[in-house]
Protein backbone atom coordinates (compact mmCIF):
# COMPACT_ATOMS: atom_id res chain seq x y z
CA UNK A 1 33.70 44.13 0.31
CA UNK A 2 33.41 43.02 -3.28
CA UNK A 3 30.05 43.46 -4.99
CA UNK A 4 28.44 40.43 -6.62
CA UNK A 5 26.01 40.89 -9.48
CA UNK A 6 23.44 38.12 -9.05
CA UNK A 7 22.04 38.63 -12.55
CA UNK A 8 25.21 37.56 -14.36
CA UNK A 9 27.06 34.27 -14.52
CA UNK A 10 26.06 30.69 -13.84
CA UNK A 11 22.82 30.20 -11.92
CA UNK A 12 24.00 27.17 -9.93
CA UNK A 13 27.10 28.83 -8.53
CA UNK A 14 25.22 32.06 -7.80
CA UNK A 15 22.41 30.26 -5.96
CA UNK A 16 24.87 28.14 -4.00
CA UNK A 17 26.85 31.19 -2.86
CA UNK A 18 23.61 32.99 -2.01
CA UNK A 19 22.24 30.05 0.00
CA UNK A 20 25.33 29.17 2.07
CA UNK A 21 24.58 31.63 4.94
CA UNK A 22 21.00 30.35 5.15
CA UNK A 23 22.12 26.72 5.20
CA UNK A 24 24.70 27.40 7.92
CA UNK A 25 22.19 29.33 10.02
CA UNK A 26 19.68 26.50 9.69
CA UNK A 27 22.27 23.93 10.79
CA UNK A 28 23.21 26.00 13.84
CA UNK A 29 19.55 26.32 14.77
CA UNK A 30 19.07 22.55 14.45
CA UNK A 31 22.09 21.89 16.67
CA UNK A 32 20.78 24.34 19.27
CA UNK A 33 17.32 22.74 19.25
CA UNK A 34 18.77 19.23 19.63
CA UNK A 35 20.96 20.33 22.55
CA UNK A 36 18.02 22.14 24.16
CA UNK A 37 15.78 19.07 23.82
CA UNK A 38 18.44 16.77 25.25
CA UNK A 39 18.95 19.15 28.16
CA UNK A 40 15.20 19.26 28.81
CA UNK A 41 14.95 15.46 28.92
CA UNK A 42 18.09 15.19 31.04
CA UNK A 43 16.51 17.57 33.58
CA UNK A 44 13.36 15.45 33.69
CA UNK A 45 15.33 12.23 34.22
CA UNK A 46 17.79 13.61 36.77
CA UNK A 47 15.56 15.84 38.89
CA UNK A 48 13.32 13.95 41.33
CA UNK A 49 9.67 14.86 41.26
CA UNK A 50 8.35 16.81 44.17
CA UNK A 51 5.17 15.46 45.69
CA UNK A 52 2.91 18.16 47.07
């Protein structure tokens, strides 16, 4: 793997390259949370309530 010196070069490009994995991880987490929430509400709507 090629080493990247973060103290040299343009700051915008360096910060963008550095932040891409964090941005992608955040997006995946948001997608998971949305799917989980939709599944939770679908279970509430589909499953009949049991009366004790």
